C-alpha atoms as a PDB file:
ATOM      1  CA  MET A   1      -2.206 121.752  82.099  1.00  0.00           C
ATOM      2  CA  THR A   2      -4.138 124.838  83.523  1.00  0.00           C
ATOM      3  CA  SER A   3      -3.615 128.404  82.686  1.00  0.00           C
ATOM      4  CA  ALA A   4      -4.577 131.195  85.112  1.00  0.00           C
ATOM      5  CA  ALA A   5      -6.859 133.811  83.885  1.00  0.00           C
ATOM      6  CA  PRO A   6      -5.561 136.940  82.580  1.00  0.00           C
ATOM      7  CA  ALA A   7      -5.490 140.096  85.166  1.00  0.00           C
ATOM      8  CA  SER A   8      -7.893 142.027  83.010  1.00  0.00           C
ATOM      9  CA  LEU A   9     -10.186 139.749  82.590  1.00  0.00           C
ATOM     10  CA  ALA A  10     -11.021 140.240  86.483  1.00  0.00           C
ATOM     11  CA  VAL A  11     -10.735 144.296  86.017  1.00  0.00           C
ATOM     12  CA  ILE A  12     -13.329 143.902  83.071  1.00  0.00           C
ATOM     13  CA  ALA A  13     -15.458 141.398  84.838  1.00  0.00           C
ATOM     14  CA  VAL A  14     -15.892 144.334  87.736  1.00  0.00           C
ATOM     15  CA  ARG A  15     -16.815 146.764  85.483  1.00  0.00           C
ATOM     16  CA  VAL A  16     -19.342 144.816  84.063  1.00  0.00           C
ATOM     17  CA  GLU A  17     -20.730 143.703  87.334  1.00  0.00           C
ATOM     18  CA  ASP A  18     -20.943 147.220  88.861  1.00  0.00           C
ATOM     19  CA  ARG A  19     -22.989 148.248  85.918  1.00  0.00           C
ATOM     20  CA  LEU A  20     -25.170 145.310  86.176  1.00  0.00           C
ATOM     21  CA  ARG A  21     -25.950 145.833  89.735  1.00  0.00           C
ATOM     22  CA  ALA A  22     -26.550 149.573  88.838  1.00  0.00           C
ATOM     23  CA  PHE A  23     -29.175 148.563  86.203  1.00  0.00           C
ATOM     24  CA  LEU A  24     -30.670 146.013  88.091  1.00  0.00           C
ATOM     25  CA  THR A  25     -31.242 147.384  91.522  1.00  0.00           C
ATOM     26  CA  PRO A  26     -33.370 150.128  90.758  1.00  0.00           C
ATOM     27  CA  GLU A  27     -35.344 148.097  87.673  1.00  0.00           C
ATOM     28  CA  LEU A  28     -36.308 145.054  90.603  1.00  0.00           C
ATOM     29  CA  ALA A  29     -36.734 147.737  92.906  1.00  0.00           C
ATOM     30  CA  ARG A  30     -39.641 149.243  91.390  1.00  0.00           C
ATOM     31  CA  TRP A  31     -41.246 145.498  90.490  1.00  0.00           C
ATOM     32  CA  ALA A  32     -41.424 144.155  93.812  1.00  0.00           C
ATOM     33  CA  GLU A  33     -42.988 147.831  94.761  1.00  0.00           C
ATOM     34  CA  PHE A  34     -45.627 147.437  92.027  1.00  0.00           C
ATOM     35  CA  GLU A  35     -46.303 143.571  93.189  1.00  0.00           C
ATOM     36  CA  ALA A  36     -44.564 142.013  95.898  1.00  0.00           C
ATOM     37  CA  ASP A  37     -45.220 138.573  94.431  1.00  0.00           C
ATOM     38  CA  LEU A  38     -43.049 139.882  91.784  1.00  0.00           C
ATOM     39  CA  ALA A  39     -39.945 140.350  93.915  1.00  0.00           C
ATOM     40  CA  GLU A  40     -38.538 136.871  94.281  1.00  0.00           C
ATOM     41  CA  PRO A  41     -38.771 136.054  90.323  1.00  0.00           C
ATOM     42  CA  MET A  42     -37.285 138.996  89.330  1.00  0.00           C
ATOM     43  CA  ALA A  43     -34.319 138.772  91.616  1.00  0.00           C
ATOM     44  CA  GLU A  44     -33.463 135.457  90.269  1.00  0.00           C
ATOM     45  CA  ILE A  45     -31.871 137.803  86.978  1.00  0.00           C
ATOM     46  CA  GLY A  46     -29.605 139.250  89.620  1.00  0.00           C
ATOM     47  CA  ARG A  47     -28.959 136.139  91.295  1.00  0.00           C
ATOM     48  CA  LEU A  48     -27.715 134.118  88.344  1.00  0.00           C
ATOM     49  CA  VAL A  49     -25.799 136.941  86.686  1.00  0.00           C
ATOM     50  CA  LEU A  50     -24.080 138.121  89.763  1.00  0.00           C
ATOM     51  CA  ALA A  51     -23.637 134.351  90.996  1.00  0.00           C
ATOM     52  CA  GLY A  52     -19.857 134.274  89.309  1.00  0.00           C
ATOM     53  CA  GLY A  53     -19.274 133.456  85.519  1.00  0.00           C
ATOM     54  CA  LYS A  54     -16.269 133.789  83.865  1.00  0.00           C
ATOM     55  CA  ARG A  55     -17.284 136.941  81.831  1.00  0.00           C
ATOM     56  CA  LEU A  56     -15.519 135.691  78.455  1.00  0.00           C
ATOM     57  CA  ARG A  57     -18.197 137.188  76.460  1.00  0.00           C
ATOM     58  CA  PRO A  58     -17.685 141.032  77.920  1.00  0.00           C
ATOM     59  CA  ALA A  59     -13.990 140.564  77.835  1.00  0.00           C
ATOM     60  CA  PHE A  60     -13.508 139.478  74.153  1.00  0.00           C
ATOM     61  CA  CYS A  61     -15.926 142.458  73.524  1.00  0.00           C
ATOM     62  CA  HIS A  62     -13.907 144.779  74.936  1.00  0.00           C
ATOM     63  CA  TRP A  63     -10.813 143.627  73.252  1.00  0.00           C
ATOM     64  CA  GLY A  64     -12.353 143.671  69.889  1.00  0.00           C
ATOM     65  CA  PHE A  65     -13.137 147.166  70.669  1.00  0.00           C
ATOM     66  CA  ILE A  66     -10.162 148.282  71.677  1.00  0.00           C
ATOM     67  CA  GLY A  67      -8.318 146.411  69.279  1.00  0.00           C
ATOM     68  CA  ALA A  68     -10.292 148.512  67.170  1.00  0.00           C
ATOM     69  CA  GLY A  69      -9.311 151.675  68.155  1.00  0.00           C
ATOM     70  CA  GLY A  70     -11.753 151.920  70.731  1.00  0.00           C
ATOM     71  CA  ASP A  71     -11.607 154.381  74.147  1.00  0.00           C
ATOM     72  CA  PRO A  72     -10.900 152.132  76.901  1.00  0.00           C
ATOM     73  CA  GLU A  73     -13.020 154.255  78.853  1.00  0.00           C
ATOM     74  CA  ALA A  74     -15.612 154.452  77.035  1.00  0.00           C
ATOM     75  CA  THR A  75     -19.142 153.299  78.517  1.00  0.00           C
ATOM     76  CA  MET A  76     -20.965 151.788  75.479  1.00  0.00           C
ATOM     77  CA  VAL A  77     -18.328 148.956  75.455  1.00  0.00           C
ATOM     78  CA  VAL A  78     -19.259 148.295  79.151  1.00  0.00           C
ATOM     79  CA  ASN A  79     -22.883 148.389  78.616  1.00  0.00           C
ATOM     80  CA  ALA A  80     -22.607 145.918  75.615  1.00  0.00           C
ATOM     81  CA  GLY A  81     -20.343 143.888  78.366  1.00  0.00           C
ATOM     82  CA  ALA A  82     -23.660 143.689  80.466  1.00  0.00           C
ATOM     83  CA  ALA A  83     -26.039 143.151  77.803  1.00  0.00           C
ATOM     84  CA  PHE A  84     -24.216 140.226  76.921  1.00  0.00           C
ATOM     85  CA  GLU A  85     -24.289 138.604  80.540  1.00  0.00           C
ATOM     86  CA  LEU A  86     -28.026 139.166  80.226  1.00  0.00           C
ATOM     87  CA  MET A  87     -28.351 137.347  77.183  1.00  0.00           C
ATOM     88  CA  HIS A  88     -25.994 134.627  78.546  1.00  0.00           C
ATOM     89  CA  ALA A  89     -28.173 134.230  81.773  1.00  0.00           C
ATOM     90  CA  PHE A  90     -31.090 134.207  79.480  1.00  0.00           C
ATOM     91  CA  ALA A  91     -29.934 131.231  77.510  1.00  0.00           C
ATOM     92  CA  LEU A  92     -29.258 129.212  80.645  1.00  0.00           C
ATOM     93  CA  PHE A  93     -32.385 130.030  82.629  1.00  0.00           C
ATOM     94  CA  HIS A  94     -34.059 128.506  79.468  1.00  0.00           C
ATOM     95  CA  ASP A  95     -31.134 125.658  78.951  1.00  0.00           C
ATOM     96  CA  ASP A  96     -31.781 124.726  82.776  1.00  0.00           C
ATOM     97  CA  VAL A  97     -34.927 124.070  81.628  1.00  0.00           C
ATOM     98  CA  MET A  98     -34.494 121.749  78.702  1.00  0.00           C
ATOM     99  CA  ASP A  99     -31.691 119.924  80.366  1.00  0.00           C
ATOM    100  CA  ASP A 100     -33.739 119.584  83.649  1.00  0.00           C
ATOM    101  CA  ALA A 101     -30.927 120.856  85.232  1.00  0.00           C
ATOM    102  CA  HIS A 102     -30.741 121.281  89.375  1.00  0.00           C
ATOM    103  CA  SER A 103     -27.862 123.319  89.782  1.00  0.00           C
ATOM    104  CA  ARG A 104     -26.482 125.958  88.255  1.00  0.00           C
ATOM    105  CA  ARG A 105     -23.032 127.739  89.417  1.00  0.00           C
ATOM    106  CA  GLY A 106     -22.994 125.649  92.394  1.00  0.00           C
ATOM    107  CA  ASN A 107     -26.507 126.887  93.126  1.00  0.00           C
ATOM    108  CA  ILE A 108     -30.476 125.164  92.649  1.00  0.00           C
ATOM    109  CA  THR A 109     -31.664 126.323  89.336  1.00  0.00           C
ATOM    110  CA  THR A 110     -34.863 128.780  89.072  1.00  0.00           C
ATOM    111  CA  HIS A 111     -37.373 126.343  87.813  1.00  0.00           C
ATOM    112  CA  THR A 112     -35.969 123.975  90.792  1.00  0.00           C
ATOM    113  CA  VAL A 113     -36.557 126.487  93.278  1.00  0.00           C
ATOM    114  CA  PHE A 114     -40.167 127.624  91.948  1.00  0.00           C
ATOM    115  CA  ALA A 115     -41.348 123.765  91.929  1.00  0.00           C
ATOM    116  CA  GLN A 116     -40.488 123.653  95.305  1.00  0.00           C
ATOM    117  CA  HIS A 117     -42.767 126.572  96.099  1.00  0.00           C
ATOM    118  CA  HIS A 118     -45.568 124.980  94.215  1.00  0.00           C
ATOM    119  CA  ARG A 119     -45.111 121.918  96.187  1.00  0.00           C
ATOM    120  CA  ASP A 120     -44.806 124.124  99.642  1.00  0.00           C
ATOM    121  CA  GLY A 121     -48.066 125.724  98.967  1.00  0.00           C
ATOM    122  CA  ALA A 122     -50.149 122.900  97.359  1.00  0.00           C
ATOM    123  CA  TRP A 123     -50.834 125.006  94.849  1.00  0.00           C
ATOM    124  CA  ALA A 124     -52.785 124.008  91.907  1.00  0.00           C
ATOM    125  CA  GLY A 125     -51.793 122.636  89.038  1.00  0.00           C
ATOM    126  CA  GLU A 126     -48.317 120.900  88.148  1.00  0.00           C
ATOM    127  CA  ALA A 127     -45.154 122.023  90.307  1.00  0.00           C
ATOM    128  CA  ARG A 128     -42.753 121.318  87.349  1.00  0.00           C
ATOM    129  CA  ARG A 129     -44.665 122.916  84.582  1.00  0.00           C
ATOM    130  CA  PHE A 130     -45.039 126.046  87.132  1.00  0.00           C
ATOM    131  CA  GLY A 131     -41.170 126.207  87.987  1.00  0.00           C
ATOM    132  CA  GLU A 132     -40.132 125.616  84.220  1.00  0.00           C
ATOM    133  CA  GLY A 133     -42.982 128.375  83.506  1.00  0.00           C
ATOM    134  CA  VAL A 134     -41.370 131.215  85.618  1.00  0.00           C
ATOM    135  CA  ALA A 135     -37.547 130.114  84.740  1.00  0.00           C
ATOM    136  CA  ILE A 136     -38.700 130.654  81.140  1.00  0.00           C
ATOM    137  CA  LEU A 137     -40.161 134.366  81.727  1.00  0.00           C
ATOM    138  CA  VAL A 138     -37.657 135.374  83.966  1.00  0.00           C
ATOM    139  CA  GLY A 139     -35.286 134.318  81.055  1.00  0.00           C
ATOM    140  CA  ASP A 140     -37.614 136.462  78.347  1.00  0.00           C
ATOM    141  CA  LEU A 141     -36.922 139.229  80.814  1.00  0.00           C
ATOM    142  CA  ALA A 142     -33.269 139.103  80.576  1.00  0.00           C
ATOM    143  CA  PHE A 143     -33.313 139.054  77.098  1.00  0.00           C
ATOM    144  CA  VAL A 144     -35.201 142.166  77.205  1.00  0.00           C
ATOM    145  CA  TYR A 145     -33.156 143.800  80.074  1.00  0.00           C
ATOM    146  CA  GLY A 146     -30.225 142.693  77.849  1.00  0.00           C
ATOM    147  CA  ASP A 147     -31.554 144.545  74.819  1.00  0.00           C
ATOM    148  CA  MET A 148     -32.324 147.730  77.178  1.00  0.00           C
ATOM    149  CA  MET A 149     -28.132 147.867  77.518  1.00  0.00           C
ATOM    150  CA  MET A 150     -27.563 147.848  74.004  1.00  0.00           C
ATOM    151  CA  SER A 151     -29.580 151.327  73.674  1.00  0.00           C
ATOM    152  CA  GLY A 152     -27.794 153.717  71.981  1.00  0.00           C
ATOM    153  CA  ALA A 153     -25.575 151.169  69.494  1.00  0.00           C
ATOM    154  CA  GLY A 154     -25.234 151.832  66.106  1.00  0.00           C
ATOM    155  CA  ALA A 155     -27.228 149.739  63.133  1.00  0.00           C
ATOM    156  CA  GLU A 156     -23.726 147.635  62.359  1.00  0.00           C
ATOM    157  CA  ALA A 157     -23.906 146.917  66.171  1.00  0.00           C
ATOM    158  CA  TRP A 158     -27.236 146.102  66.115  1.00  0.00           C
ATOM    159  CA  ALA A 159     -27.061 143.693  62.555  1.00  0.00           C
ATOM    160  CA  ILE A 160     -24.279 141.964  64.731  1.00  0.00           C
ATOM    161  CA  TRP A 161     -26.270 141.441  67.953  1.00  0.00           C
ATOM    162  CA  ASN A 162     -29.143 140.201  66.029  1.00  0.00           C
ATOM    163  CA  GLU A 163     -27.671 137.630  64.285  1.00  0.00           C
ATOM    164  CA  LEU A 164     -25.702 136.305  67.344  1.00  0.00           C
ATOM    165  CA  ARG A 165     -28.702 135.420  69.339  1.00  0.00           C
ATOM    166  CA  ILE A 166     -30.249 134.020  66.255  1.00  0.00           C
ATOM    167  CA  GLU A 167     -27.297 131.933  65.524  1.00  0.00           C
ATOM    168  CA  LEU A 168     -27.539 130.915  69.728  1.00  0.00           C
ATOM    169  CA  ASN A 169     -30.928 129.759  69.112  1.00  0.00           C
ATOM    170  CA  VAL A 170     -30.412 127.992  66.160  1.00  0.00           C
ATOM    171  CA  GLY A 171     -27.491 126.098  67.632  1.00  0.00           C
ATOM    172  CA  GLN A 172     -29.371 125.276  70.500  1.00  0.00           C
ATOM    173  CA  VAL A 173     -32.494 123.584  68.417  1.00  0.00           C
ATOM    174  CA  LEU A 174     -29.994 121.945  66.770  1.00  0.00           C
ATOM    175  CA  ASP A 175     -28.276 120.836  70.002  1.00  0.00           C
ATOM    176  CA  ILE A 176     -31.987 119.409  71.399  1.00  0.00           C
ATOM    177  CA  LEU A 177     -32.776 117.727  68.071  1.00  0.00           C
ATOM    178  CA  GLY A 178     -28.924 115.714  68.296  1.00  0.00           C
ATOM    179  CA  SER A 179     -29.505 114.631  71.998  1.00  0.00           C
ATOM    180  CA  VAL A 180     -33.507 113.057  71.383  1.00  0.00           C
ATOM    181  CA  ARG A 181     -32.128 111.510  67.853  1.00  0.00           C
ATOM    182  CA  ASN A 182     -28.859 110.613  69.514  1.00  0.00           C
ATOM    183  CA  GLU A 183     -26.801 111.468  66.977  1.00  0.00           C
ATOM    184  CA  ARG A 184     -22.799 110.707  67.074  1.00  0.00           C
ATOM    185  CA  SER A 185     -21.867 112.475  63.648  1.00  0.00           C
ATOM    186  CA  ARG A 186     -18.839 114.218  64.380  1.00  0.00           C
ATOM    187  CA  THR A 187     -19.797 116.693  61.202  1.00  0.00           C
ATOM    188  CA  ARG A 188     -23.360 117.581  63.273  1.00  0.00           C
ATOM    189  CA  ALA A 189     -21.542 117.521  66.730  1.00  0.00           C
ATOM    190  CA  GLU A 190     -18.839 120.446  65.432  1.00  0.00           C
ATOM    191  CA  GLN A 191     -22.139 122.181  63.754  1.00  0.00           C
ATOM    192  CA  ILE A 192     -23.509 122.164  67.316  1.00  0.00           C
ATOM    193  CA  CYS A 193     -20.482 123.107  68.892  1.00  0.00           C
ATOM    194  CA  ARG A 194     -19.683 126.141  66.596  1.00  0.00           C
ATOM    195  CA  TYR A 195     -23.677 127.529  66.875  1.00  0.00           C
ATOM    196  CA  LYS A 196     -24.553 126.734  70.170  1.00  0.00           C
ATOM    197  CA  SER A 197     -21.195 128.218  71.797  1.00  0.00           C
ATOM    198  CA  GLY A 198     -18.628 129.350  70.035  1.00  0.00           C
ATOM    199  CA  LYS A 199     -19.491 132.014  67.723  1.00  0.00           C
ATOM    200  CA  TYR A 200     -21.407 133.528  70.538  1.00  0.00           C
ATOM    201  CA  THR A 201     -19.351 133.307  73.023  1.00  0.00           C
ATOM    202  CA  ILE A 202     -16.074 134.609  71.108  1.00  0.00           C
ATOM    203  CA  GLU A 203     -16.263 135.459  67.463  1.00  0.00           C
ATOM    204  CA  ARG A 204     -19.376 137.719  67.731  1.00  0.00           C
ATOM    205  CA  PRO A 205     -18.670 138.969  70.678  1.00  0.00           C
ATOM    206  CA  LEU A 206     -15.378 140.504  69.300  1.00  0.00           C
ATOM    207  CA  HIS A 207     -17.672 141.876  66.023  1.00  0.00           C
ATOM    208  CA  LEU A 208     -19.530 143.401  68.127  1.00  0.00           C
ATOM    209  CA  GLY A 209     -16.376 145.368  69.864  1.00  0.00           C
ATOM    210  CA  ALA A 210     -15.489 146.522  66.681  1.00  0.00           C
ATOM    211  CA  ALA A 211     -18.790 147.729  65.299  1.00  0.00           C
ATOM    212  CA  LEU A 212     -18.886 149.293  68.114  1.00  0.00           C
ATOM    213  CA  ALA A 213     -15.309 151.538  67.601  1.00  0.00           C
ATOM    214  CA  ALA A 214     -14.997 151.650  64.379  1.00  0.00           C
ATOM    215  CA  PRO A 215     -18.176 150.275  61.862  1.00  0.00           C
ATOM    216  CA  GLU A 216     -16.380 151.975  58.987  1.00  0.00           C
ATOM    217  CA  ARG A 217     -13.805 149.237  59.406  1.00  0.00           C
ATOM    218  CA  LEU A 218     -15.873 146.300  59.429  1.00  0.00           C
ATOM    219  CA  PRO A 219     -14.976 144.992  55.927  1.00  0.00           C
ATOM    220  CA  GLU A 220     -11.125 144.536  57.224  1.00  0.00           C
ATOM    221  CA  LEU A 221     -11.910 143.832  60.648  1.00  0.00           C
ATOM    222  CA  LEU A 222     -14.701 141.194  61.307  1.00  0.00           C
ATOM    223  CA  PRO A 223     -12.821 138.549  58.491  1.00  0.00           C
ATOM    224  CA  ALA A 224      -9.407 138.852  60.654  1.00  0.00           C
ATOM    225  CA  LEU A 225     -10.734 138.734  64.049  1.00  0.00           C
ATOM    226  CA  SER A 226     -13.448 135.165  62.710  1.00  0.00           C
ATOM    227  CA  ALA A 227     -10.113 133.584  61.470  1.00  0.00           C
ATOM    228  CA  TYR A 228      -9.292 133.968  65.786  1.00  0.00           C
ATOM    229  CA  GLY A 229     -12.575 133.282  67.135  1.00  0.00           C
ATOM    230  CA  LEU A 230     -13.838 130.785  65.118  1.00  0.00           C
ATOM    231  CA  PRO A 231     -10.907 128.177  66.224  1.00  0.00           C
ATOM    232  CA  LEU A 232     -11.019 129.515  69.327  1.00  0.00           C
ATOM    233  CA  GLY A 233     -14.529 129.386  70.006  1.00  0.00           C
ATOM    234  CA  ASP A 234     -14.461 125.793  68.753  1.00  0.00           C
ATOM    235  CA  ALA A 235     -11.859 124.927  71.106  1.00  0.00           C
ATOM    236  CA  PHE A 236     -13.695 126.945  74.239  1.00  0.00           C
ATOM    237  CA  GLN A 237     -16.805 124.729  73.409  1.00  0.00           C
ATOM    238  CA  MET A 238     -14.987 121.471  73.118  1.00  0.00           C
ATOM    239  CA  ARG A 239     -13.290 122.396  76.312  1.00  0.00           C
ATOM    240  CA  ASP A 240     -16.518 122.781  77.843  1.00  0.00           C
ATOM    241  CA  ASP A 241     -17.608 119.146  76.217  1.00  0.00           C
ATOM    242  CA  VAL A 242     -14.425 117.619  78.546  1.00  0.00           C
ATOM    243  CA  MET A 243     -15.709 119.356  81.320  1.00  0.00           C
ATOM    244  CA  GLY A 244     -19.466 117.784  80.853  1.00  0.00           C
ATOM    245  CA  ALA A 245     -18.066 114.455  80.710  1.00  0.00           C
ATOM    246  CA  PHE A 246     -15.168 114.710  83.080  1.00  0.00           C
ATOM    247  CA  GLY A 247     -15.564 117.785  84.991  1.00  0.00           C
ATOM    248  CA  ASP A 248     -15.370 118.253  88.965  1.00  0.00           C
ATOM    249  CA  PRO A 249     -18.753 118.876  90.278  1.00  0.00           C
ATOM    250  CA  GLN A 250     -16.731 121.209  92.634  1.00  0.00           C
ATOM    251  CA  ILE A 251     -15.461 123.268  90.527  1.00  0.00           C
ATOM    252  CA  THR A 252     -18.175 123.236  87.746  1.00  0.00           C
ATOM    253  CA  GLY A 253     -20.460 123.636  89.491  1.00  0.00           C
ATOM    254  CA  LYS A 254     -22.651 120.942  87.765  1.00  0.00           C
ATOM    255  CA  PRO A 255     -23.425 117.432  88.212  1.00  0.00           C
ATOM    256  CA  VAL A 256     -20.750 114.645  86.793  1.00  0.00           C
ATOM    257  CA  GLY A 257     -21.306 113.588  83.769  1.00  0.00           C
ATOM    258  CA  GLY A 258     -24.189 115.645  83.091  1.00  0.00           C
ATOM    259  CA  ASP A 259     -23.740 115.683  79.324  1.00  0.00           C
ATOM    260  CA  LEU A 260     -23.509 112.122  79.354  1.00  0.00           C
ATOM    261  CA  ARG A 261     -26.888 111.811  81.226  1.00  0.00           C
ATOM    262  CA  GLU A 262     -27.701 114.385  78.679  1.00  0.00           C
ATOM    263  CA  GLY A 263     -26.944 112.450  75.474  1.00  0.00           C
ATOM    264  CA  LYS A 264     -25.168 115.682  74.237  1.00  0.00           C
ATOM    265  CA  PRO A 265     -24.312 115.142  70.581  1.00  0.00           C
ATOM    266  CA  THR A 266     -20.407 116.367  71.150  1.00  0.00           C
ATOM    267  CA  PRO A 267     -17.670 116.018  68.839  1.00  0.00           C
ATOM    268  CA  LEU A 268     -15.993 114.040  71.910  1.00  0.00           C
ATOM    269  CA  MET A 269     -18.804 111.465  71.745  1.00  0.00           C
ATOM    270  CA  ALA A 270     -18.890 111.283  68.026  1.00  0.00           C
ATOM    271  CA  ARG A 271     -15.096 110.533  68.083  1.00  0.00           C
ATOM    272  CA  ALA A 272     -15.619 107.933  70.835  1.00  0.00           C
ATOM    273  CA  VAL A 273     -18.463 106.300  68.927  1.00  0.00           C
ATOM    274  CA  GLU A 274     -15.997 106.512  65.638  1.00  0.00           C
ATOM    275  CA  ARG A 275     -13.524 104.487  67.196  1.00  0.00           C
ATOM    276  CA  ALA A 276     -15.540 101.772  69.863  1.00  0.00           C
ATOM    277  CA  THR A 277     -15.038  98.078  69.492  1.00  0.00           C
ATOM    278  CA  ALA A 278     -18.657  96.170  69.685  1.00  0.00           C
ATOM    279  CA  ALA A 279     -18.086  95.704  73.281  1.00  0.00           C
ATOM    280  CA  GLN A 280     -17.497  99.593  74.012  1.00  0.00           C
ATOM    281  CA  ALA A 281     -20.255 100.665  71.945  1.00  0.00           C
ATOM    282  CA  GLU A 282     -22.419  98.724  74.383  1.00  0.00           C
ATOM    283  CA  VAL A 283     -21.351 100.829  76.971  1.00  0.00           C
ATOM    284  CA  LEU A 284     -21.620 103.928  74.921  1.00  0.00           C
ATOM    285  CA  ALA A 285     -25.060 102.986  74.376  1.00  0.00           C
ATOM    286  CA  LEU A 286     -26.062 103.902  77.742  1.00  0.00           C
ATOM    287  CA  VAL A 287     -25.404 107.629  77.230  1.00  0.00           C
ATOM    288  CA  GLY A 288     -28.609 109.527  77.475  1.00  0.00           C
ATOM    289  CA  ARG A 289     -30.202 107.910  79.931  1.00  0.00           C
ATOM    290  CA  ALA A 290     -31.209 110.094  82.438  1.00  0.00           C
ATOM    291  CA  ASP A 291     -30.657 107.546  85.304  1.00  0.00           C
ATOM    292  CA  LEU A 292     -27.632 106.756  84.061  1.00  0.00           C
ATOM    293  CA  GLY A 293     -25.325 105.884  87.921  1.00  0.00           C
ATOM    294  CA  ASP A 294     -22.372 107.046  88.970  1.00  0.00           C
ATOM    295  CA  GLU A 295     -21.031 103.969  88.296  1.00  0.00           C
ATOM    296  CA  GLN A 296     -22.002 103.977  84.720  1.00  0.00           C
ATOM    297  CA  VAL A 297     -20.847 106.924  84.056  1.00  0.00           C
ATOM    298  CA  ALA A 298     -17.576 105.889  85.223  1.00  0.00           C
ATOM    299  CA  ARG A 299     -17.734 103.100  82.667  1.00  0.00           C
ATOM    300  CA  VAL A 300     -18.277 105.323  79.955  1.00  0.00           C
ATOM    301  CA  GLN A 301     -15.625 107.874  80.758  1.00  0.00           C
ATOM    302  CA  GLN A 302     -13.258 104.615  80.822  1.00  0.00           C
ATOM    303  CA  VAL A 303     -14.329 103.791  77.095  1.00  0.00           C
ATOM    304  CA  ILE A 304     -14.000 107.160  75.901  1.00  0.00           C
ATOM    305  CA  ILE A 305     -10.425 107.542  77.409  1.00  0.00           C
ATOM    306  CA  ASP A 306      -9.494 103.741  75.886  1.00  0.00           C
ATOM    307  CA  THR A 307     -10.621 104.481  72.540  1.00  0.00           C
ATOM    308  CA  GLY A 308      -8.395 107.687  72.390  1.00  0.00           C
ATOM    309  CA  ALA A 309     -11.352 110.176  71.863  1.00  0.00           C
ATOM    310  CA  LEU A 310     -10.365 111.883  74.901  1.00  0.00           C
ATOM    311  CA  ALA A 311      -6.526 112.375  73.632  1.00  0.00           C
ATOM    312  CA  ASP A 312      -7.661 113.473  70.192  1.00  0.00           C
ATOM    313  CA  LEU A 313     -10.170 116.032  71.092  1.00  0.00           C
ATOM    314  CA  GLU A 314      -7.287 117.850  73.432  1.00  0.00           C
ATOM    315  CA  ALA A 315      -5.105 117.404  70.459  1.00  0.00           C
ATOM    316  CA  THR A 316      -7.779 119.228  68.196  1.00  0.00           C
ATOM    317  CA  ILE A 317      -8.061 121.958  70.863  1.00  0.00           C
ATOM    318  CA  ALA A 318      -4.620 122.021  71.141  1.00  0.00           C
ATOM    319  CA  ARG A 319      -4.550 122.759  66.929  1.00  0.00           C
ATOM    320  CA  LEU A 320      -7.669 125.252  67.017  1.00  0.00           C
ATOM    321  CA  THR A 321      -5.589 127.380  70.063  1.00  0.00           C
ATOM    322  CA  VAL A 322      -2.381 127.527  67.983  1.00  0.00           C
ATOM    323  CA  GLU A 323      -4.614 128.495  64.822  1.00  0.00           C
ATOM    324  CA  ALA A 324      -6.456 131.096  66.615  1.00  0.00           C
ATOM    325  CA  VAL A 325      -3.473 132.690  68.187  1.00  0.00           C
ATOM    326  CA  ALA A 326      -1.328 132.520  64.560  1.00  0.00           C
ATOM    327  CA  ALA A 327      -4.324 134.404  62.921  1.00  0.00           C
ATOM    328  CA  LEU A 328      -3.163 137.291  65.412  1.00  0.00           C
ATOM    329  CA  GLY A 329       0.073 138.151  63.722  1.00  0.00           C
ATOM    330  CA  VAL A 330      -1.678 139.334  60.430  1.00  0.00           C
ATOM    331  CA  ALA A 331      -4.646 141.255  62.691  1.00  0.00           C
ATOM    332  CA  PRO A 332      -5.004 144.944  61.794  1.00  0.00           C
ATOM    333  CA  ILE A 333      -5.612 145.547  65.611  1.00  0.00           C
ATOM    334  CA  THR A 334      -3.968 147.164  68.635  1.00  0.00           C
ATOM    335  CA  THR A 335      -0.691 145.664  70.164  1.00  0.00           C
ATOM    336  CA  ASP A 336      -2.605 145.441  73.761  1.00  0.00           C
ATOM    337  CA  ALA A 337      -5.676 143.830  71.799  1.00  0.00           C
ATOM    338  CA  ARG A 338      -3.290 141.087  70.506  1.00  0.00           C
ATOM    339  CA  ASP A 339      -1.389 140.531  73.517  1.00  0.00           C
ATOM    340  CA  GLU A 340      -4.566 140.222  75.488  1.00  0.00           C
ATOM    341  CA  LEU A 341      -6.281 137.878  73.222  1.00  0.00           C
ATOM    342  CA  VAL A 342      -3.245 135.544  73.136  1.00  0.00           C
ATOM    343  CA  ALA A 343      -3.397 135.151  76.679  1.00  0.00           C
ATOM    344  CA  LEU A 344      -7.343 134.579  76.681  1.00  0.00           C
ATOM    345  CA  ALA A 345      -6.681 131.853  74.045  1.00  0.00           C
ATOM    346  CA  THR A 346      -4.477 130.364  76.619  1.00  0.00           C
ATOM    347  CA  TYR A 347      -7.133 130.519  78.930  1.00  0.00           C
ATOM    348  CA  VAL A 348     -10.541 130.010  76.952  1.00  0.00           C
ATOM    349  CA  SER A 349      -8.411 126.277  75.951  1.00  0.00           C
ATOM    350  CA  GLN A 350      -6.843 124.830  79.095  1.00  0.00           C
ATOM    351  CA  ARG A 351      -9.511 126.110  81.657  1.00  0.00           C
ATOM    352  CA  THR A 352     -10.958 123.729  84.176  1.00  0.00           C
ATOM    353  CA  VAL A 353     -14.393 125.785  84.939  1.00  0.00           C
END
């Protein structure tokens, strides 16, 4: 069963997208005027951040802000939402390089675009390295622009902003190590799940919003928001893992079975390996092969289902979502924020994209 996105999510998305356009348009124009060769690389930031996306991080930041008593019309929380989108773009530019992904949100990835420019121009050096280099630098620019959007935030908010970015990068390091080592430990997979995505998608945006609205109340607010944000963040990433193994590329914008080809150390794969028979383990051993064909992907998917790993993960997602919603019952936040966070919990745990 899927759940429709709360109506407030679209409203927050429009405000953040308007802010992103207002910031990026003159910024990209000034660098294109400085040097024409910069126009296309710089434009890649806008192409990615304005091409869609769920805008979940701005939404959780917004409701953390409102929940702590913040003014819904405040400019700073919109800026923080835009900062999250730019920081997320940084992560996606780099992630696509690390995963050698060819599509993102239904469009060709930046490193692929510039590698093709290199080949078309018969330029010196290696096309792959050039394309990846441009994408990494574009990601770095998005990272800096995210910081610029946080200008004016207080010390408490900056401390959270810095910590969440460290956590994101730590999670990415653990993720690539787990992939190359073919790790299938459930404990490690859940650790990566939390640090690579869960914390910086839900818990930390809530914390940042609260810090912007009521820094003096953080000792009271942060534990209560974590009691909701951590289990829901885990459920969010587990849902991502299901989509990474089974998602429809027409919906997700990513190749079918992408996580299986990359050998991602996910809680889903950890469960499958734990439960597999010897024959099933042979099929699961195919995971991590870049040349994994669609027929082999289908065989792996069937083993994941047959072992009960998918059903067990779905049950875990449901349990974590219930735990998160229950935590809101005692959280010292406003009623409207509580209601919206309940709706977001249902949406993020049941989504298909």
